[in-house]
Amino acid sequence: MNEGFERVAAISDVGEGNMLPVTLDDGTEVVLVCVNASIFAIQAICSHQQAWLDGGWVHPEAHEVECPLHEGRFDVRTGEPTRLPPIDPIKTYPVRMEGGEIFVAKGDAN
């Protein structure tokens, strides 16, 4: 049922409004973000100045993560920047949740 997806964490590993960095089997680093009881997977590095996004903040009311370096923000649903300075989007990855586990699509970034 989860063909093309790999298990990366338990749902309980990512609390509401939190982020969890994980590494896919191919070495791709992503960040799981829990917003309004939904899990999103985004690329781990900011598109602006290469900062690690899991060191930033989650803004659940806007479905955004904020980069810790220059306070740029990205929509976790689309990867689009929502506040400067970043102008390039970040990658997002399809996520499935099943049986208390989180699965992220292998090599299938949007």
Protein backbone atom coordinates (compact mmCIF):
# COMPACT_ATOMS: atom_id res chain seq x y z
CA MET A 1 0.00 0.00 0.00
CA ASN A 2 2.91 2.34 0.60
CA GLU A 3 4.85 1.34 -2.52
CA GLY A 4 7.14 4.17 -3.55
CA PHE A 5 7.11 5.54 -0.01
CA GLU A 6 9.45 4.90 2.88
CA ARG A 7 8.75 4.94 6.59
CA VAL A 8 10.56 7.85 8.26
CA ALA A 9 9.03 8.24 11.72
CA ALA A 10 6.11 7.53 14.00
CA ILE A 11 3.36 10.14 14.05
CA SER A 12 3.97 10.50 17.78
CA ASP A 13 7.55 11.62 17.03
CA VAL A 14 6.30 14.94 15.64
CA GLY A 15 4.22 16.98 18.05
CA GLU A 16 1.78 19.65 16.97
CA GLY A 17 3.62 22.78 15.83
CA ASN A 18 6.97 20.99 15.79
CA MET A 19 9.54 19.91 13.21
CA LEU A 20 11.57 16.72 12.95
CA PRO A 21 14.54 16.33 10.58
CA VAL A 22 14.81 12.92 8.89
CA THR A 23 17.02 11.43 6.20
CA LEU A 24 15.58 9.30 3.42
CA ASP A 25 17.35 6.10 2.34
CA ASP A 26 18.87 7.92 -0.65
CA GLY A 27 20.44 10.55 1.65
CA THR A 28 17.87 13.27 0.98
CA GLU A 29 17.35 15.37 4.08
CA VAL A 30 13.81 16.52 4.78
CA VAL A 31 11.95 18.10 7.66
CA LEU A 32 8.60 16.79 8.87
CA VAL A 33 6.30 19.58 10.04
CA CYS A 34 3.11 19.02 12.05
CA VAL A 35 0.47 21.68 11.44
CA ASN A 36 -3.16 21.30 12.52
CA ALA A 37 -2.71 17.51 12.97
CA SER A 38 -1.37 17.12 9.42
CA ILE A 39 2.20 16.15 8.58
CA PHE A 40 4.09 17.86 5.76
CA ALA A 41 7.56 17.05 4.42
CA ILE A 42 9.78 19.84 3.10
CA GLN A 43 13.40 20.10 2.04
CA ALA A 44 15.68 20.63 5.01
CA ILE A 45 17.65 23.60 3.68
CA CYS A 46 16.38 27.13 3.01
CA SER A 47 16.53 28.14 -0.66
CA HIS A 48 17.95 31.55 0.26
CA GLN A 49 21.13 31.08 2.30
CA GLN A 50 21.37 27.34 2.98
CA ALA A 51 20.20 27.46 6.62
CA TRP A 52 18.67 24.38 8.25
CA LEU A 53 14.92 25.02 8.47
CA ASP A 54 14.38 22.76 11.49
CA GLY A 55 16.25 25.39 13.54
CA GLY A 56 13.47 27.86 12.79
CA TRP A 57 9.84 28.19 13.84
CA VAL A 58 6.46 26.85 12.83
CA HIS A 59 3.58 29.29 12.32
CA PRO A 60 0.59 26.91 12.31
CA GLU A 61 -2.04 29.57 11.70
CA ALA A 62 -0.44 30.31 8.32
CA HIS A 63 0.91 26.80 7.52
CA GLU A 64 4.41 28.29 7.42
CA VAL A 65 7.93 27.58 8.60
CA GLU A 66 10.32 30.43 9.30
CA CYS A 67 14.01 30.20 8.53
CA PRO A 68 16.22 30.94 11.55
CA LEU A 69 18.78 32.89 9.51
CA HIS A 70 16.90 35.77 7.86
CA GLU A 71 13.29 35.13 8.95
CA GLY A 72 12.06 34.20 5.49
CA ARG A 73 8.98 32.00 5.48
CA PHE A 74 7.67 29.15 3.34
CA ASP A 75 4.23 27.58 2.99
CA VAL A 76 4.63 23.93 4.06
CA ARG A 77 1.84 22.86 1.70
CA THR A 78 3.39 24.25 -1.48
CA GLY A 79 6.99 25.20 -0.66
CA GLU A 80 6.38 28.72 -1.96
CA PRO A 81 8.11 31.58 -0.15
CA THR A 82 5.65 33.77 1.73
CA ARG A 83 8.03 36.35 3.22
CA LEU A 84 11.29 37.73 1.87
CA PRO A 85 14.21 37.39 1.56
CA PRO A 86 13.78 33.98 -0.14
CA ILE A 87 12.35 34.17 -3.65
CA ASP A 88 12.81 30.54 -4.70
CA PRO A 89 10.51 27.80 -3.39
CA ILE A 90 11.65 24.79 -1.40
CA LYS A 91 10.79 21.22 -2.36
CA THR A 92 7.84 19.47 -0.79
CA TYR A 93 7.35 15.72 -0.64
CA PRO A 94 4.14 13.66 -0.66
CA VAL A 95 3.34 12.18 2.76
CA ARG A 96 1.14 9.28 3.81
CA MET A 97 0.16 8.38 7.35
CA GLU A 98 -0.90 4.85 8.17
CA GLY A 99 -1.01 2.81 11.36
CA GLY A 100 0.65 5.53 13.40
CA GLU A 101 3.56 5.78 10.97
CA ILE A 102 4.72 8.52 8.58
CA PHE A 103 5.79 7.62 5.04
CA VAL A 104 7.47 10.03 2.59
CA ALA A 105 7.61 9.50 -1.18
CA LYS A 106 10.97 8.29 -2.43
CA GLY A 107 12.60 10.70 -4.87
CA ASP A 108 9.30 12.43 -5.61
CA ALA A 109 9.67 16.08 -4.65
CA ASN A 110 7.24 18.70 -5.94
